[in-house]
């Protein structure tokens, strides 16, 4: 599965690796994706989310109910 966040939509960025001799080769900047399991009281079940580290902090702030609502609004199945 590709490295992307279910909540923020963060995806890999691309750039160049630059050597000491200044030759450029392609590289990929992956987001810090973590698998987290949260209890969803409204559905009386756990949900597994693939979130970036920034999104984990967002869930801590807004709550899991609001986060799952945002994920579903983006059209991602939870």
N, C-alpha and C. Protein backbone atom coordinates (compact mmCIF):
# COMPACT_ATOMS: atom_id res chain seq x y z
N UNK A 1 0.84 -1.18 0.00
CA UNK A 1 0.00 0.00 0.00
C UNK A 1 0.88 1.24 0.00
N UNK A 2 0.45 2.27 -0.72
CA UNK A 2 1.26 3.47 -0.80
C UNK A 2 1.29 4.20 0.53
N UNK A 3 2.34 4.97 0.73
CA UNK A 3 2.51 5.70 1.98
C UNK A 3 1.70 6.98 1.93
N UNK A 4 0.45 6.91 2.37
CA UNK A 4 -0.35 8.14 2.47
C UNK A 4 -1.22 8.09 3.71
N UNK A 5 -1.55 9.28 4.19
CA UNK A 5 -2.30 9.44 5.43
C UNK A 5 -3.79 9.49 5.12
N UNK A 6 -4.58 8.76 5.90
CA UNK A 6 -6.02 8.74 5.69
C UNK A 6 -6.68 10.07 6.06
N UNK A 7 -6.13 10.79 7.03
CA UNK A 7 -6.76 12.02 7.52
C UNK A 7 -6.30 13.25 6.75
N UNK A 8 -5.00 13.44 6.63
CA UNK A 8 -4.49 14.66 6.00
C UNK A 8 -4.24 14.49 4.51
N UNK A 9 -4.16 13.25 4.05
CA UNK A 9 -3.88 13.02 2.63
C UNK A 9 -2.41 13.21 2.28
N UNK A 10 -1.54 13.26 3.28
CA UNK A 10 -0.10 13.44 3.03
C UNK A 10 0.41 12.27 2.21
N UNK A 11 1.13 12.57 1.14
CA UNK A 11 1.70 11.57 0.24
C UNK A 11 3.19 11.83 0.09
N UNK A 12 3.92 10.88 -0.49
CA UNK A 12 5.36 11.10 -0.66
C UNK A 12 5.64 12.31 -1.54
N UNK A 13 6.71 13.03 -1.18
CA UNK A 13 7.20 14.11 -2.03
C UNK A 13 8.45 13.61 -2.74
N UNK A 14 8.80 14.24 -3.83
CA UNK A 14 9.95 13.79 -4.61
C UNK A 14 10.95 14.92 -4.76
N UNK A 15 12.20 14.57 -4.83
CA UNK A 15 13.25 15.56 -4.97
C UNK A 15 14.52 14.89 -5.45
N UNK A 16 15.62 15.54 -5.18
CA UNK A 16 16.91 15.01 -5.62
C UNK A 16 17.82 14.74 -4.43
N UNK A 17 18.55 13.64 -4.54
CA UNK A 17 19.64 13.34 -3.62
C UNK A 17 20.87 13.96 -4.28
N UNK A 18 21.60 14.78 -3.54
CA UNK A 18 22.75 15.47 -4.14
C UNK A 18 24.02 14.96 -3.47
N UNK A 19 24.90 14.38 -4.26
CA UNK A 19 26.13 13.79 -3.73
C UNK A 19 27.18 14.87 -3.49
N UNK A 20 28.29 14.47 -2.94
CA UNK A 20 29.39 15.41 -2.67
C UNK A 20 29.88 16.05 -3.97
N UNK A 21 29.87 15.28 -5.05
CA UNK A 21 30.30 15.81 -6.35
C UNK A 21 29.18 16.58 -7.05
N UNK A 22 28.05 16.72 -6.36
CA UNK A 22 26.88 17.49 -6.82
C UNK A 22 26.11 16.81 -7.95
N UNK A 23 26.26 15.50 -8.08
CA UNK A 23 25.42 14.76 -9.04
C UNK A 23 24.05 14.57 -8.41
N UNK A 24 23.01 14.70 -9.20
CA UNK A 24 21.65 14.59 -8.68
C UNK A 24 21.02 13.26 -9.11
N UNK A 25 20.46 12.56 -8.13
CA UNK A 25 19.68 11.36 -8.42
C UNK A 25 18.35 11.50 -7.70
N UNK A 26 17.34 10.86 -8.22
CA UNK A 26 15.98 11.00 -7.69
C UNK A 26 15.85 10.33 -6.32
N UNK A 27 15.06 10.95 -5.45
CA UNK A 27 14.77 10.36 -4.16
C UNK A 27 13.32 10.65 -3.80
N UNK A 28 12.87 10.03 -2.71
CA UNK A 28 11.49 10.12 -2.29
C UNK A 28 11.43 10.47 -0.81
N UNK A 29 10.62 11.47 -0.44
CA UNK A 29 10.43 11.86 0.95
C UNK A 29 9.11 11.25 1.42
N UNK A 30 9.17 10.18 2.19
CA UNK A 30 7.95 9.53 2.67
C UNK A 30 7.43 10.20 3.94
N UNK A 31 6.10 10.34 4.07
CA UNK A 31 5.56 10.85 5.33
C UNK A 31 5.72 9.80 6.43
N UNK A 32 5.72 10.26 7.67
CA UNK A 32 5.90 9.37 8.82
C UNK A 32 4.56 8.70 9.14
N UNK A 33 4.27 7.59 8.47
CA UNK A 33 2.99 6.91 8.58
C UNK A 33 3.03 5.91 9.74
N UNK A 34 2.01 5.99 10.60
CA UNK A 34 1.88 5.10 11.74
C UNK A 34 0.52 4.41 11.67
N UNK A 35 0.47 3.15 12.07
CA UNK A 35 -0.80 2.45 12.18
C UNK A 35 -1.31 2.61 13.60
N UNK A 36 -2.53 3.12 13.75
CA UNK A 36 -3.11 3.35 15.07
C UNK A 36 -4.48 2.72 15.14
N UNK A 37 -4.82 2.21 16.31
CA UNK A 37 -6.13 1.61 16.54
C UNK A 37 -6.85 2.46 17.57
N UNK A 38 -8.03 2.94 17.23
CA UNK A 38 -8.81 3.80 18.12
C UNK A 38 -10.17 3.15 18.39
N UNK A 39 -10.69 3.38 19.58
CA UNK A 39 -12.04 2.94 19.94
C UNK A 39 -13.02 3.98 19.44
N UNK A 40 -14.01 3.54 18.66
CA UNK A 40 -15.03 4.43 18.11
C UNK A 40 -16.33 4.15 18.87
N UNK A 41 -16.66 4.98 19.88
CA UNK A 41 -17.81 4.69 20.74
C UNK A 41 -19.14 4.67 20.00
N UNK A 42 -19.30 5.51 18.97
CA UNK A 42 -20.58 5.59 18.28
C UNK A 42 -20.92 4.28 17.56
N UNK A 43 -19.88 3.56 17.10
CA UNK A 43 -20.11 2.28 16.40
C UNK A 43 -19.76 1.08 17.27
N UNK A 44 -19.32 1.35 18.50
CA UNK A 44 -18.99 0.30 19.46
C UNK A 44 -17.97 -0.69 18.90
N UNK A 45 -16.91 -0.15 18.28
CA UNK A 45 -15.87 -1.00 17.70
C UNK A 45 -14.57 -0.22 17.59
N UNK A 46 -13.49 -0.95 17.34
CA UNK A 46 -12.19 -0.34 17.09
C UNK A 46 -12.06 -0.06 15.59
N UNK A 47 -11.32 0.99 15.25
CA UNK A 47 -10.99 1.27 13.85
C UNK A 47 -9.47 1.38 13.75
N UNK A 48 -8.94 0.85 12.67
CA UNK A 48 -7.50 0.95 12.41
C UNK A 48 -7.30 2.05 11.38
N UNK A 49 -6.44 3.00 11.71
CA UNK A 49 -6.18 4.12 10.83
C UNK A 49 -4.69 4.19 10.51
N UNK A 50 -4.38 4.52 9.25
CA UNK A 50 -3.00 4.77 8.82
C UNK A 50 -2.82 6.28 8.80
N UNK A 51 -2.12 6.81 9.81
CA UNK A 51 -2.02 8.25 9.99
C UNK A 51 -0.58 8.71 10.00
N UNK A 52 -0.37 9.93 9.55
CA UNK A 52 0.94 10.55 9.69
C UNK A 52 1.09 10.98 11.15
N UNK A 53 2.32 11.26 11.57
CA UNK A 53 2.56 11.67 12.95
C UNK A 53 1.81 12.96 13.27
N UNK A 54 1.71 13.87 12.30
CA UNK A 54 0.96 15.11 12.50
C UNK A 54 -0.52 14.81 12.68
N UNK A 55 -1.05 13.85 11.93
CA UNK A 55 -2.47 13.50 12.03
C UNK A 55 -2.79 12.83 13.36
N UNK A 56 -1.83 12.09 13.93
CA UNK A 56 -2.04 11.48 15.25
C UNK A 56 -2.28 12.58 16.28
N UNK A 57 -1.49 13.66 16.21
CA UNK A 57 -1.69 14.79 17.11
C UNK A 57 -3.02 15.48 16.85
N UNK A 58 -3.44 15.53 15.58
CA UNK A 58 -4.73 16.13 15.25
C UNK A 58 -5.87 15.33 15.86
N UNK A 59 -5.79 14.00 15.81
CA UNK A 59 -6.82 13.15 16.41
C UNK A 59 -6.85 13.37 17.92
N UNK A 60 -5.70 13.54 18.54
CA UNK A 60 -5.66 13.83 19.98
C UNK A 60 -6.38 15.14 20.30
N UNK A 61 -6.31 16.10 19.39
CA UNK A 61 -6.91 17.41 19.61
C UNK A 61 -8.41 17.42 19.35
N UNK A 62 -8.82 16.92 18.16
CA UNK A 62 -10.24 17.03 17.77
C UNK A 62 -11.07 15.84 18.19
N UNK A 63 -10.45 14.73 18.54
CA UNK A 63 -11.17 13.54 18.93
C UNK A 63 -11.34 12.58 17.76
N UNK A 64 -11.53 11.31 18.10
CA UNK A 64 -11.59 10.27 17.07
C UNK A 64 -12.88 10.35 16.26
N UNK A 65 -13.98 10.76 16.89
CA UNK A 65 -15.26 10.86 16.16
C UNK A 65 -15.16 11.89 15.03
N UNK A 66 -14.63 13.07 15.35
CA UNK A 66 -14.49 14.12 14.34
C UNK A 66 -13.48 13.73 13.27
N UNK A 67 -12.42 13.04 13.67
CA UNK A 67 -11.40 12.61 12.72
C UNK A 67 -11.97 11.60 11.73
N UNK A 68 -12.74 10.63 12.24
CA UNK A 68 -13.35 9.63 11.36
C UNK A 68 -14.36 10.30 10.42
N UNK A 69 -15.07 11.30 10.91
CA UNK A 69 -16.01 12.04 10.06
C UNK A 69 -15.26 12.74 8.92
N UNK A 70 -14.10 13.33 9.23
CA UNK A 70 -13.30 14.00 8.19
C UNK A 70 -12.76 13.00 7.18
N UNK A 71 -12.33 11.83 7.68
CA UNK A 71 -11.80 10.79 6.78
C UNK A 71 -12.90 10.32 5.83
N UNK A 72 -14.09 10.11 6.36
CA UNK A 72 -15.20 9.66 5.52
C UNK A 72 -15.62 10.75 4.54
N UNK A 73 -15.51 12.02 4.94
CA UNK A 73 -15.83 13.13 4.03
C UNK A 73 -14.88 13.17 2.84
N UNK A 74 -13.64 12.71 3.05
CA UNK A 74 -12.68 12.64 1.96
C UNK A 74 -12.95 11.47 1.04
N UNK A 75 -13.88 10.59 1.43
CA UNK A 75 -14.25 9.45 0.59
C UNK A 75 -13.45 8.19 0.86
N UNK A 76 -12.77 8.14 2.00
CA UNK A 76 -11.98 6.98 2.39
C UNK A 76 -12.83 6.08 3.27
N UNK A 77 -12.82 4.77 2.97
CA UNK A 77 -13.60 3.82 3.76
C UNK A 77 -12.88 3.52 5.07
N UNK A 78 -13.62 3.56 6.18
CA UNK A 78 -13.04 3.27 7.50
C UNK A 78 -13.68 2.00 8.04
